[in-house]
Amino acid sequence: MLVTSGLITAAQLNEVLDMQRTSGGKLGQLLLHKGYIEERKLLEFLSKQFGIEFVDLHGREIKEDILKIIPENIARRYGLIAVEKAENKLKVAMEDPLNIVVLDDLKMMTGYDIKPVFGAESDIAAAIDKNYGSKTSKEALDEILKKTSGGTTEVSLVQEDSSKGGGEDLISLEEKGEAAPIVQMVNLIISSAIKAHASDIHIEPTYKDTKVRFRIDGVLHAQPSPPKKFHNAIISRLKIMATLDISERRLPQDGRTKLKIDDHEIDLRVSILPCGPGEKVVMRILDSSGLKLRLEDLGMEPENLAIFSKCIKAPHGINLITGPTGSGKSTTLYSALATLNEPDVNIVTIEDPIEYQLEGINQVMVNADVGLTFAAGLRSFLRQDPDIIMVGEIRDFETMSTAINAAMTGHLVFSTLHTNDAPGAITRIGMMGVEPFLTSSTLLMVVAQRLVRGICKNCKETYEVKPELLVSLGVSRAILDKNVKNGKIILSRGRGCDLCAKTGYKGRMGIHEILEVSDQIRSLIIEKAHVSKIKEAARKNGMITLRESALRKLFAGMTTVEEVIRVTGSDVD
């Protein structure tokens, strides 16, 4: 029907059906993921197909008494929002209006007969953000500051010993009765970051003020900041939350805390670093509720997904994931483990730290203070009758050697390594002192990955670009020729809207380079061939480079030229 309606081509449908057979998932979601159809057009089609009304929420005003019928936490959890009511009927815009279980729950909760209608996922999210909790972060912060005895009065900078920092700590504020607003201020910062889908929170002191920044989709964004005089109090509050030493201001500290927000738990990794003007805090937000652990959600090309699926199901050997911090390595590892997690399989992991807790998997956290290192944990695992072992990171010869021994004795091993590309991992292993024949006999594949920002679907637009511009940016003529249609190259970008904070981007997706260790690659490893020869051989065998993976998403209308250059600038075609 989608093909006959002219919304997608037969080739696109067949490609997505192949993906569905390989990895599962809903057809509509896979079409959206590939960028073959716009969300609104798909929903309009489904509306006609199922006879369910489609409601355009963009710019629509919803009365407060209607909003109150469904609590915010329920709206966010299920991706829905009430839009109209008439007598005993409540019209609810939903991402999935065919979900009978949710419909029954809504009827029981509200007492209304529910009339479900289609609504675009992005529009529903924007409507929830707009209508629930109408105060902005700045307005909320100003209100909190009014509760403090000093109001928003500026405090002049006082030169102090760098070990002491500036301002007052939480204990002195408690004596003045100002601690409660500080707690509210910290809660506001954290809750605002979670609502903005931030991955990290930065609270940084300068000699004049305190800066708060959120890392959203891999890029830092400035936020409303509290006055400098409250900096130490905020740090003290975070130390208490993470069970750190509140009196220690000279040494770095790392901790962890768990919060409950909107009926689901959020883990915070807290890192404190003493700087000249005071202590800096970086918090990593770990929200397992939004964690997608299906292989098809990793954003791999069909060729890469086929190789990845084959190698993770091998009976023994080593699979390595490489990339910088924040490139999604942990998500890829967890997705592989979740796929392999069956009742008849014993999976053990050693991590630093445990980012997400997985049901049915034995997870151990590194504790160097008591001698529990990656290498020590890995040695202990071999006495636990494991089938699959995951090592958070291979950092030295001892850990690598133990991992190889585990693979040679019939275990499947997963781990991460820090290299710029997939072939570079082989050189890195050699530099650790591992003999080439051991590497060649145990290594199954190396995955190098990065994350690029996706174009906001709400404000997406197309434009024509000159081929010469792309050539000047390093795109080969061969790739351009494949993507010229009617003598034109059409790309996409985001205009910027309220939903994407005027950036034009919303969410991130993976780009991948997968080196499968074939017989030819094994021979080159044994010969101690230069990494360039290994890369050349891998590309001849069909390896997609990081740059090529990013370009596929560019020409599919999923990301922008700027993102491709930003993320893969060091990758050479």
Protein backbone atom coordinates (compact mmCIF):
# COMPACT_ATOMS: atom_id res chain seq x y z
CA MET A 1 0.00 0.00 0.00
CA LEU A 2 2.82 2.41 0.81
CA VAL A 3 4.42 1.59 -2.54
CA THR A 4 1.20 1.94 -4.54
CA SER A 5 0.52 5.25 -2.80
CA GLY A 6 3.91 6.49 -4.03
CA LEU A 7 5.21 7.17 -0.51
CA ILE A 8 8.14 4.76 -0.82
CA THR A 9 9.73 2.73 -3.61
CA ALA A 10 9.61 -1.04 -3.95
CA ALA A 11 13.38 -1.20 -3.44
CA GLN A 12 13.10 0.74 -0.19
CA LEU A 13 10.32 -1.57 1.03
CA ASN A 14 12.32 -4.70 0.20
CA GLU A 15 15.39 -3.32 1.97
CA VAL A 16 13.42 -2.55 5.14
CA LEU A 17 11.65 -5.94 5.00
CA ASP A 18 15.07 -7.62 4.88
CA MET A 19 16.12 -5.59 7.94
CA GLN A 20 12.90 -6.61 9.70
CA ARG A 21 13.50 -10.30 8.99
CA THR A 22 17.08 -10.02 10.25
CA SER A 23 16.64 -7.86 13.31
CA GLY A 24 12.89 -7.52 14.00
CA GLY A 25 11.12 -4.25 14.76
CA LYS A 26 8.09 -2.43 13.38
CA LEU A 27 7.98 -1.66 9.67
CA GLY A 28 6.99 1.98 10.21
CA GLN A 29 9.80 2.61 12.69
CA LEU A 30 12.36 1.07 10.35
CA LEU A 31 11.13 3.25 7.46
CA LEU A 32 11.47 6.36 9.65
CA HIS A 33 14.89 5.24 10.84
CA LYS A 34 16.11 4.90 7.27
CA GLY A 35 14.65 8.29 6.35
CA TYR A 36 12.54 6.82 3.54
CA ILE A 37 9.35 8.54 4.68
CA GLU A 38 8.48 11.58 6.78
CA GLU A 39 6.75 10.92 10.10
CA ARG A 40 3.75 13.11 9.26
CA LYS A 41 3.16 11.43 5.86
CA LEU A 42 3.40 7.98 7.46
CA LEU A 43 0.87 8.92 10.14
CA GLU A 44 -1.52 10.39 7.56
CA PHE A 45 -1.30 7.13 5.63
CA LEU A 46 -1.87 5.02 8.78
CA SER A 47 -4.79 7.26 9.69
CA LYS A 48 -6.55 6.41 6.42
CA GLN A 49 -5.53 2.75 6.65
CA PHE A 50 -6.91 2.18 10.15
CA GLY A 51 -9.69 4.75 10.09
CA ILE A 52 -8.22 6.60 13.07
CA GLU A 53 -8.12 10.39 13.06
CA PHE A 54 -4.78 12.18 12.74
CA VAL A 55 -4.42 15.37 14.83
CA ASP A 56 -1.85 18.05 14.01
CA LEU A 57 -0.59 19.30 17.38
CA HIS A 58 1.82 21.87 15.99
CA GLY A 59 0.88 25.22 17.58
CA ARG A 60 -2.34 23.83 19.06
CA GLU A 61 -3.56 25.31 22.36
CA ILE A 62 -4.83 22.82 24.98
CA LYS A 63 -7.04 23.91 27.89
CA GLU A 64 -5.59 23.49 31.37
CA ASP A 65 -8.61 21.52 32.69
CA ILE A 66 -8.10 18.95 29.92
CA LEU A 67 -4.37 18.62 30.64
CA LYS A 68 -5.04 17.91 34.32
CA ILE A 69 -6.98 14.75 33.47
CA ILE A 70 -3.78 12.87 32.57
CA PRO A 71 -0.74 13.39 34.88
CA GLU A 72 2.53 14.55 33.30
CA ASN A 73 4.45 11.38 34.24
CA ILE A 74 1.87 9.21 32.46
CA ALA A 75 1.89 11.48 29.40
CA ARG A 76 5.69 11.29 29.13
CA ARG A 77 5.89 7.56 29.86
CA TYR A 78 3.46 6.53 27.11
CA GLY A 79 3.96 9.40 24.65
CA LEU A 80 0.43 10.84 24.70
CA ILE A 81 -1.53 13.98 25.55
CA ALA A 82 -5.21 14.78 26.05
CA VAL A 83 -6.46 17.33 23.49
CA GLU A 84 -10.26 17.50 23.77
CA LYS A 85 -13.17 16.31 25.89
CA ALA A 86 -16.86 16.14 25.17
CA GLU A 87 -19.22 14.80 27.81
CA ASN A 88 -17.71 11.45 28.85
CA LYS A 89 -15.30 11.12 25.93
CA LEU A 90 -11.63 12.15 26.03
CA LYS A 91 -9.67 12.58 22.80
CA VAL A 92 -6.02 11.55 23.33
CA ALA A 93 -3.22 12.04 20.79
CA MET A 94 -0.89 9.03 20.94
CA GLU A 95 2.25 7.72 19.31
CA ASP A 96 0.59 4.30 19.21
CA PRO A 97 -3.23 4.59 19.30
CA LEU A 98 -3.50 0.82 18.73
CA ASN A 99 -2.03 -0.02 22.14
CA ILE A 100 -5.06 -1.57 23.83
CA VAL A 101 -3.30 -2.01 27.19
CA VAL A 102 -2.56 1.73 27.48
CA LEU A 103 -6.10 2.59 26.38
CA ASP A 104 -7.55 0.37 29.10
CA ASP A 105 -5.25 1.91 31.71
CA LEU A 106 -6.27 5.43 30.66
CA LYS A 107 -9.97 4.57 30.87
CA MET A 108 -9.55 3.10 34.35
CA MET A 109 -7.39 6.03 35.53
CA THR A 110 -9.49 8.90 34.13
CA GLY A 111 -13.02 7.48 34.13
CA TYR A 112 -13.47 8.70 30.55
CA ASP A 113 -14.13 6.75 27.36
CA ILE A 114 -10.90 7.19 25.43
CA LYS A 115 -10.92 8.19 21.75
CA PRO A 116 -7.33 7.58 20.52
CA VAL A 117 -5.99 9.60 17.58
CA PHE A 118 -2.66 9.60 15.78
CA GLY A 119 -0.17 12.28 16.74
CA ALA A 120 3.41 12.77 15.56
CA GLU A 121 5.91 11.65 18.21
CA SER A 122 7.88 14.90 17.92
CA ASP A 123 4.69 17.03 18.16
CA ILE A 124 3.48 15.12 21.24
CA ALA A 125 6.85 15.60 22.97
CA ALA A 126 6.80 19.31 22.15
CA ALA A 127 3.20 19.66 23.40
CA ILE A 128 4.06 17.95 26.68
CA ASP A 129 7.07 20.22 27.21
CA LYS A 130 5.00 23.29 26.34
CA ASN A 131 1.87 22.57 28.36
CA TYR A 132 3.09 20.77 31.47
CA GLY A 133 5.16 22.81 33.91
CA SER A 134 4.93 26.12 32.04
CA LYS A 135 7.73 27.79 34.04
CA THR A 136 11.06 28.09 32.30
CA SER A 137 14.25 27.07 34.05
CA LYS A 138 15.19 30.73 34.45
CA GLU A 139 11.80 31.63 35.96
CA ALA A 140 12.01 28.71 38.37
CA LEU A 141 15.57 29.64 39.35
CA ASP A 142 14.56 33.27 39.98
CA GLU A 143 11.71 32.10 42.19
CA ILE A 144 14.07 29.92 44.22
CA LEU A 145 16.55 32.76 44.61
CA LYS A 146 13.84 35.01 46.05
CA LYS A 147 13.52 32.57 48.94
CA THR A 148 17.12 33.10 50.00
CA SER A 149 17.92 35.85 52.48
CA GLY A 150 20.35 37.49 50.08
CA GLY A 151 17.95 37.42 47.12
CA THR A 152 19.83 37.92 43.88
CA THR A 153 22.31 40.39 45.33
CA GLU A 154 25.65 40.26 43.57
CA VAL A 155 28.71 39.36 45.66
CA SER A 156 32.03 40.88 44.71
CA LEU A 157 34.92 38.54 44.05
CA VAL A 158 37.20 37.93 46.99
CA GLN A 159 40.68 36.58 46.39
CA GLU A 160 40.99 33.41 48.44
CA ASP A 161 43.13 30.35 48.75
CA SER A 162 42.30 28.11 45.79
CA SER A 163 41.80 25.13 48.10
CA LYS A 164 38.90 26.96 49.78
CA GLY A 165 37.07 28.34 46.77
CA GLY A 166 34.56 31.18 47.11
CA GLY A 167 31.17 31.62 48.69
CA GLU A 168 29.45 29.71 51.46
CA ASP A 169 29.09 25.96 51.96
CA LEU A 170 25.92 24.05 52.77
CA ILE A 171 26.57 23.89 56.51
CA SER A 172 26.82 27.69 56.88
CA LEU A 173 23.68 28.11 54.79
CA GLU A 174 21.81 25.63 57.00
CA GLU A 175 22.57 27.86 59.96
CA LYS A 176 20.99 30.79 58.06
CA GLY A 177 17.99 28.74 56.98
CA GLU A 178 18.95 28.91 53.29
CA ALA A 179 19.73 25.24 52.70
CA ALA A 180 16.24 24.33 51.41
CA PRO A 181 16.47 26.72 48.41
CA ILE A 182 19.91 25.23 47.61
CA VAL A 183 18.40 21.75 47.54
CA GLN A 184 15.65 23.06 45.24
CA MET A 185 18.26 24.74 43.03
CA VAL A 186 20.22 21.47 42.63
CA ASN A 187 17.00 19.55 41.94
CA LEU A 188 16.03 22.14 39.32
CA ILE A 189 19.37 21.83 37.52
CA ILE A 190 19.15 18.03 37.43
CA SER A 191 15.46 17.86 36.43
CA SER A 192 15.97 20.49 33.70
CA ALA A 193 18.86 18.45 32.29
CA ILE A 194 16.79 15.27 32.22
CA LYS A 195 13.86 17.03 30.50
CA ALA A 196 16.31 18.39 27.91
CA HIS A 197 17.59 14.83 27.31
CA ALA A 198 21.11 15.90 28.32
CA SER A 199 23.82 13.27 28.77
CA ASP A 200 26.02 15.40 31.06
CA ILE A 201 25.72 18.37 33.43
CA HIS A 202 28.69 20.74 33.86
CA ILE A 203 28.82 23.12 36.84
CA GLU A 204 31.95 25.23 36.44
CA PRO A 205 33.34 28.01 38.61
CA THR A 206 35.04 31.08 37.18
CA TYR A 207 36.48 33.99 39.13
CA LYS A 208 33.36 36.03 38.38
CA ASP A 209 30.45 33.60 38.28
CA THR A 210 29.24 30.00 38.09
CA LYS A 211 28.44 28.47 34.70
CA VAL A 212 25.96 25.64 34.11
CA ARG A 213 26.05 23.78 30.81
CA PHE A 214 24.20 20.72 29.50
CA ARG A 215 25.65 18.35 26.91
CA ILE A 216 22.75 17.69 24.54
CA ASP A 217 23.31 15.47 21.51
CA GLY A 218 27.05 15.69 22.07
CA VAL A 219 27.26 19.51 22.18
CA LEU A 220 27.43 21.75 25.28
CA HIS A 221 24.67 24.36 25.73
CA ALA A 222 24.74 27.19 28.30
CA GLN A 223 21.91 27.28 30.87
CA PRO A 224 20.60 29.80 33.43
CA SER A 225 23.16 29.89 36.21
CA PRO A 226 22.98 30.59 39.95
CA PRO A 227 25.01 33.41 41.55
CA LYS A 228 28.65 32.75 42.38
CA LYS A 229 28.03 32.96 46.13
CA PHE A 230 26.03 29.72 46.03
CA HIS A 231 28.68 27.71 44.18
CA ASN A 232 30.21 26.00 47.20
CA ALA A 233 26.78 25.24 48.64
CA ILE A 234 25.74 23.54 45.40
CA ILE A 235 28.96 21.51 45.36
CA SER A 236 28.42 20.50 48.99
CA ARG A 237 24.87 19.37 48.24
CA LEU A 238 26.10 17.23 45.34
CA LYS A 239 28.83 15.73 47.53
CA ILE A 240 26.23 14.77 50.14
CA MET A 241 24.04 13.20 47.45
CA ALA A 242 26.97 11.18 46.08
CA THR A 243 28.29 10.27 49.60
CA LEU A 244 31.59 12.09 49.04
CA ASP A 245 33.79 13.91 51.56
CA ILE A 246 32.23 17.35 51.96
CA SER A 247 35.36 18.75 53.68
CA GLU A 248 37.81 17.63 50.96
CA ARG A 249 38.36 20.40 48.41
CA ARG A 250 41.93 19.69 47.33
CA LEU A 251 41.61 16.28 45.65
CA PRO A 252 39.41 14.95 42.83
CA GLN A 253 36.48 12.81 43.96
CA ASP A 254 34.15 10.43 42.15
CA GLY A 255 30.81 9.15 43.35
CA ARG A 256 27.40 7.99 42.31
CA THR A 257 23.81 8.62 43.35
CA LYS A 258 20.36 7.44 42.35
CA LEU A 259 17.29 9.66 41.97
CA LYS A 260 13.63 8.96 41.35
CA ILE A 261 12.03 11.28 38.81
CA ASP A 262 8.61 10.73 37.22
CA ASP A 263 8.34 7.24 38.70
CA HIS A 264 11.56 5.99 37.17
CA GLU A 265 15.09 5.85 38.53
CA ILE A 266 17.98 7.92 37.23
CA ASP A 267 21.63 7.16 38.02
CA LEU A 268 24.08 10.06 38.29
CA ARG A 269 27.85 9.61 38.05
CA VAL A 270 29.42 12.56 39.87
CA SER A 271 32.99 13.70 39.21
CA ILE A 272 34.50 16.61 41.18
CA LEU A 273 37.71 18.32 40.13
CA PRO A 274 39.44 21.13 42.09
CA CYS A 275 40.25 24.12 39.88
CA GLY A 276 41.70 27.57 40.53
CA PRO A 277 38.43 29.43 41.27
CA GLY A 278 36.77 26.46 43.00
CA GLU A 279 35.57 22.91 42.39
CA LYS A 280 34.11 21.85 39.05
CA VAL A 281 31.43 19.15 38.84
CA VAL A 282 30.52 16.98 35.88
CA MET A 283 27.54 14.65 36.22
CA ARG A 284 26.85 11.86 33.73
CA ILE A 285 23.10 11.09 33.51
CA LEU A 286 22.38 7.38 33.13
CA ASP A 287 18.70 6.87 32.40
CA SER A 288 18.06 3.19 31.71
CA SER A 289 14.41 3.90 30.82
CA GLY A 290 15.51 5.45 27.52
CA LEU A 291 18.13 2.79 26.79
CA LYS A 292 17.46 0.97 23.50
CA LEU A 293 19.10 -2.44 23.41
CA ARG A 294 17.90 -3.80 20.07
CA LEU A 295 20.57 -4.28 17.42
CA GLU A 296 18.43 -2.51 14.81
CA ASP A 297 18.43 0.62 17.00
CA LEU A 298 22.22 0.98 16.71
CA GLY A 299 21.89 2.66 13.30
CA MET A 300 24.11 0.20 11.42
CA GLU A 301 23.95 -0.22 7.68
CA PRO A 302 22.48 -3.61 6.62
CA GLU A 303 25.94 -4.91 5.62
CA ASN A 304 27.43 -3.90 8.97
CA LEU A 305 24.48 -5.29 10.92
CA ALA A 306 24.88 -8.66 9.20
CA ILE A 307 28.59 -8.85 10.11
CA PHE A 308 27.95 -7.65 13.67
CA SER A 309 25.13 -10.18 14.23
CA LYS A 310 27.31 -13.02 12.92
CA CYS A 311 30.39 -12.19 15.02
CA ILE A 312 28.56 -11.71 18.33
CA LYS A 313 27.01 -15.17 17.91
CA ALA A 314 30.35 -16.91 17.35
CA PRO A 315 31.13 -19.72 19.86
CA HIS A 316 34.43 -18.12 20.93
CA GLY A 317 36.79 -15.27 20.10
CA ILE A 318 37.18 -11.55 20.81
CA ASN A 319 34.96 -8.71 19.61
CA LEU A 320 36.29 -5.19 20.20
CA ILE A 321 34.41 -1.87 20.17
CA THR A 322 36.55 1.26 19.73
CA GLY A 323 35.86 4.96 19.86
CA PRO A 324 36.34 8.05 22.05
CA THR A 325 34.44 8.74 25.28
CA GLY A 326 30.76 9.40 24.57
CA SER A 327 30.68 7.57 21.24
CA GLY A 328 28.11 4.99 22.33
CA LYS A 329 30.48 2.05 22.94
CA SER A 330 28.66 0.97 26.11
CA THR A 331 25.28 0.99 24.35
CA THR A 332 26.67 -1.21 21.57
CA LEU A 333 28.15 -3.64 24.09
CA TYR A 334 24.95 -3.78 26.14
CA SER A 335 22.89 -4.32 22.98
CA ALA A 336 25.08 -7.29 22.03
CA LEU A 337 24.81 -8.78 25.53
CA ALA A 338 21.03 -8.22 25.66
CA THR A 339 20.70 -10.07 22.33
CA LEU A 340 22.73 -13.00 23.68
CA ASN A 341 21.14 -13.04 27.14
CA GLU A 342 19.30 -16.37 27.34
CA PRO A 343 18.54 -18.63 30.34
CA ASP A 344 21.07 -21.22 29.14
CA VAL A 345 23.93 -18.70 28.83
CA ASN A 346 26.16 -17.48 31.69
CA ILE A 347 27.25 -13.88 31.04
CA VAL A 348 29.64 -12.03 33.36
CA THR A 349 30.95 -8.46 33.04
CA ILE A 350 33.54 -6.32 34.79
CA GLU A 351 33.03 -2.59 34.35
CA ASP A 352 34.34 0.75 35.60
CA PRO A 353 31.68 1.76 36.54
CA ILE A 354 28.54 -0.28 35.85
CA GLU A 355 26.59 2.15 33.66
CA TYR A 356 23.37 0.18 33.32
CA GLN A 357 22.15 -2.81 35.28
CA LEU A 358 20.99 -5.66 33.03
CA GLU A 359 18.63 -8.33 34.32
CA GLY A 360 20.06 -11.85 34.17
CA ILE A 361 23.69 -10.74 33.72
CA ASN A 362 26.34 -10.91 36.46
CA GLN A 363 27.95 -7.47 36.59
CA VAL A 364 31.04 -6.66 38.69
CA MET A 365 32.47 -3.17 39.27
CA VAL A 366 36.22 -2.49 39.30
CA ASN A 367 37.61 -1.58 42.72
CA ALA A 368 41.33 -0.81 42.40
CA ASP A 369 41.60 -0.02 46.14
CA VAL A 370 41.12 -3.69 47.00
CA GLY A 371 42.97 -5.04 43.96
CA LEU A 372 39.92 -5.76 41.79
CA THR A 373 41.25 -4.60 38.43
CA PHE A 374 40.07 -5.58 34.95
CA ALA A 375 42.80 -8.22 34.74
CA ALA A 376 42.12 -9.61 38.23
CA GLY A 377 38.37 -9.75 37.62
CA LEU A 378 38.88 -11.44 34.26
CA ARG A 379 41.08 -14.14 35.85
CA SER A 380 38.40 -14.79 38.47
CA PHE A 381 35.70 -15.03 35.79
CA LEU A 382 37.43 -18.03 34.22
CA ARG A 383 36.62 -20.00 37.41
CA GLN A 384 32.93 -18.99 37.22
CA ASP A 385 32.07 -21.24 34.25
CA PRO A 386 31.17 -18.33 31.94
CA ASP A 387 30.01 -18.59 28.34
CA ILE A 388 30.35 -14.89 27.54
CA ILE A 389 32.66 -12.34 29.18
CA MET A 390 32.56 -8.55 28.85
CA VAL A 391 35.52 -6.46 29.97
CA GLY A 392 34.74 -2.75 30.20
CA GLU A 393 38.08 -1.66 28.74
CA ILE A 394 41.40 -3.24 27.81
CA ARG A 395 44.14 -0.91 29.01
CA ASP A 396 47.27 -3.04 29.33
CA PHE A 397 49.08 -6.21 28.27
CA GLU A 398 47.90 -8.21 31.30
CA THR A 399 44.21 -7.63 30.55
CA MET A 400 44.68 -8.25 26.82
CA SER A 401 46.67 -11.42 27.45
CA THR A 402 44.02 -12.77 29.84
CA ALA A 403 41.25 -11.93 27.35
CA ILE A 404 43.10 -13.82 24.60
CA ASN A 405 43.56 -16.80 26.92
CA ALA A 406 39.82 -16.74 27.66
CA ALA A 407 39.00 -16.69 23.94
CA MET A 408 41.41 -19.56 23.23
CA THR A 409 39.76 -21.70 25.91
CA GLY A 410 36.31 -21.47 24.33
CA HIS A 411 34.84 -18.21 25.65
CA LEU A 412 33.29 -15.32 23.75
CA VAL A 413 34.85 -12.04 24.90
CA PHE A 414 33.66 -8.46 24.39
CA SER A 415 35.64 -5.35 25.28
CA THR A 416 36.53 -1.78 24.29
CA LEU A 417 39.73 -0.14 23.15
CA HIS A 418 40.70 3.46 22.43
CA THR A 419 41.73 3.82 18.76
CA ASN A 420 40.79 6.21 15.96
CA ASP A 421 39.55 3.54 13.55
CA ALA A 422 39.01 -0.21 13.33
CA PRO A 423 42.32 -1.24 11.66
CA GLY A 424 44.19 0.86 14.24
CA ALA A 425 43.04 -1.55 16.97
CA ILE A 426 45.30 -4.25 15.54
CA THR A 427 48.33 -1.95 15.78
CA ARG A 428 47.29 -0.97 19.33
CA ILE A 429 47.15 -4.63 20.41
CA GLY A 430 50.62 -5.18 18.93
CA MET A 431 51.98 -2.18 20.87
CA MET A 432 50.78 -3.85 24.09
CA GLY A 433 53.21 -6.69 23.40
CA VAL A 434 50.76 -9.35 22.18
CA GLU A 435 52.21 -11.79 19.63
CA PRO A 436 50.61 -11.44 16.17
CA PHE A 437 49.67 -15.14 15.93
CA LEU A 438 47.62 -14.82 19.13
CA THR A 439 45.79 -11.76 17.81
CA SER A 440 45.08 -13.38 14.44
CA SER A 441 43.74 -16.59 15.98
CA THR A 442 41.33 -14.97 18.46
CA LEU A 443 40.14 -11.61 17.06
CA LEU A 444 36.73 -11.82 15.32
CA MET A 445 35.91 -8.18 14.53
CA VAL A 446 36.67 -4.59 15.48
CA VAL A 447 33.90 -1.99 15.49
CA ALA A 448 34.88 1.70 15.38
CA GLN A 449 32.00 4.07 16.01
CA ARG A 450 31.00 7.69 16.51
CA LEU A 451 27.71 9.53 17.06
CA VAL A 452 26.36 12.20 14.71
CA ARG A 453 23.43 14.49 15.43
CA GLY A 454 20.21 13.79 13.58
CA ILE A 455 18.13 16.48 11.86
CA CYS A 456 15.10 17.66 13.82
CA LYS A 457 12.04 16.11 12.13
CA ASN A 458 9.84 19.02 13.18
CA CYS A 459 11.74 21.67 11.20
CA LYS A 460 13.45 19.55 8.53
CA GLU A 461 13.83 21.10 5.07
CA THR A 462 15.65 20.22 1.84
CA TYR A 463 18.06 22.30 -0.21
CA GLU A 464 20.29 21.94 -3.24
CA VAL A 465 24.05 21.84 -2.78
CA LYS A 466 26.79 22.32 -5.36
CA PRO A 467 28.88 19.19 -5.99
CA GLU A 468 32.04 21.32 -5.88
CA LEU A 469 31.35 22.22 -2.24
CA LEU A 470 31.17 18.58 -1.22
CA VAL A 471 34.32 17.79 -3.18
CA SER A 472 36.15 20.59 -1.34
CA LEU A 473 35.04 18.99 1.92
CA GLY A 474 36.61 15.67 0.98
CA VAL A 475 33.68 13.79 -0.61
CA SER A 476 34.87 11.70 -3.55
CA ARG A 477 33.45 12.11 -7.05
CA ALA A 478 32.47 8.44 -7.08
CA ILE A 479 30.18 8.90 -4.06
CA LEU A 480 28.72 12.10 -5.52
CA ASP A 481 27.90 10.40 -8.83
CA LYS A 482 25.87 7.78 -6.95
CA ASN A 483 23.74 10.46 -5.28
CA VAL A 484 23.07 12.85 -8.17
CA LYS A 485 19.38 12.89 -9.14
CA ASN A 486 18.27 14.81 -12.22
CA GLY A 487 21.60 16.58 -12.21
CA LYS A 488 21.10 17.83 -8.67
CA ILE A 489 22.28 16.88 -5.18
CA ILE A 490 19.54 17.44 -2.61
CA LEU A 491 20.42 17.41 1.10
CA SER A 492 18.49 18.12 4.29
CA ARG A 493 18.94 20.40 7.30
CA GLY A 494 16.93 21.73 10.24
CA ARG A 495 15.67 25.33 10.20
CA GLY A 496 15.64 25.45 14.01
CA CYS A 497 12.49 25.41 16.14
CA ASP A 498 11.37 25.34 19.78
CA LEU A 499 11.50 21.56 19.85
CA CYS A 500 15.23 21.45 19.01
CA ALA A 501 16.16 24.66 20.89
CA LYS A 502 16.78 26.41 17.53
CA THR A 503 19.72 24.08 16.73
CA GLY A 504 18.12 22.15 13.87
CA TYR A 505 19.21 18.88 15.50
CA LYS A 506 17.36 16.36 17.68
CA GLY A 507 18.85 13.09 18.87
CA ARG A 508 21.94 11.21 17.72
CA MET A 509 22.66 8.13 15.64
CA GLY A 510 25.65 5.86 15.28
CA ILE A 511 28.05 5.63 12.38
CA HIS A 512 30.14 2.49 12.23
CA GLU A 513 33.26 1.00 10.69
CA ILE A 514 33.40 -2.78 11.10
CA LEU A 515 36.55 -4.75 10.34
CA GLU A 516 35.80 -8.44 10.09
CA VAL A 517 38.96 -10.49 10.56
CA SER A 518 39.01 -12.62 7.40
CA ASP A 519 41.72 -15.11 6.41
CA GLN A 520 43.43 -12.36 4.40
CA ILE A 521 43.42 -9.99 7.39
CA ARG A 522 44.81 -12.80 9.60
CA SER A 523 47.69 -13.28 7.19
CA LEU A 524 48.48 -9.56 7.25
CA ILE A 525 48.41 -9.54 11.07
CA ILE A 526 50.90 -12.43 11.22
CA GLU A 527 53.11 -10.61 8.70
CA LYS A 528 52.99 -7.50 10.96
CA ALA A 529 51.73 -5.50 7.98
CA HIS A 530 51.36 -1.74 8.28
CA VAL A 531 47.92 -0.54 9.32
CA SER A 532 47.43 1.11 5.90
CA LYS A 533 47.73 -2.29 4.17
CA ILE A 534 45.24 -3.83 6.59
CA LYS A 535 42.80 -0.95 5.95
CA GLU A 536 43.27 -1.26 2.18
CA ALA A 537 42.56 -5.00 2.27
CA ALA A 538 39.52 -4.50 4.50
CA ARG A 539 38.06 -1.88 2.15
CA LYS A 540 38.56 -4.17 -0.84
CA ASN A 541 36.62 -6.80 1.10
CA GLY A 542 33.73 -4.35 1.54
CA MET A 543 34.48 -2.52 4.81
CA ILE A 544 32.51 0.71 5.14
CA THR A 545 34.63 3.48 6.69
CA LEU A 546 33.34 5.94 9.28
CA ARG A 547 33.26 8.67 6.65
CA GLU A 548 31.32 6.47 4.21
CA SER A 549 28.85 5.49 6.93
CA ALA A 550 28.28 9.15 7.77
CA LEU A 551 27.85 10.05 4.09
CA ARG A 552 25.17 7.41 3.68
CA LYS A 553 23.20 9.08 6.46
CA LEU A 554 23.88 12.48 4.89
CA PHE A 555 22.45 11.49 1.50
CA ALA A 556 19.55 9.70 3.21
CA GLY A 557 18.54 13.06 4.73
CA MET A 558 19.32 11.98 8.31
CA THR A 559 22.19 14.34 9.16
CA THR A 560 24.03 17.36 7.76
CA VAL A 561 27.28 18.14 5.97
CA GLU A 562 28.48 20.05 9.04
CA GLU A 563 27.98 16.99 11.25
CA VAL A 564 29.80 14.70 8.85
CA ILE A 565 32.81 17.00 8.80
CA ARG A 566 32.71 17.60 12.57
CA VAL A 567 32.65 13.95 13.50
CA THR A 568 34.69 12.34 10.70
CA GLY A 569 37.11 15.14 9.87
CA SER A 570 40.09 12.94 10.70
CA ASP A 571 38.86 9.98 8.65
CA VAL A 572 40.58 9.71 5.29
CA ASP A 573 38.79 8.20 2.30
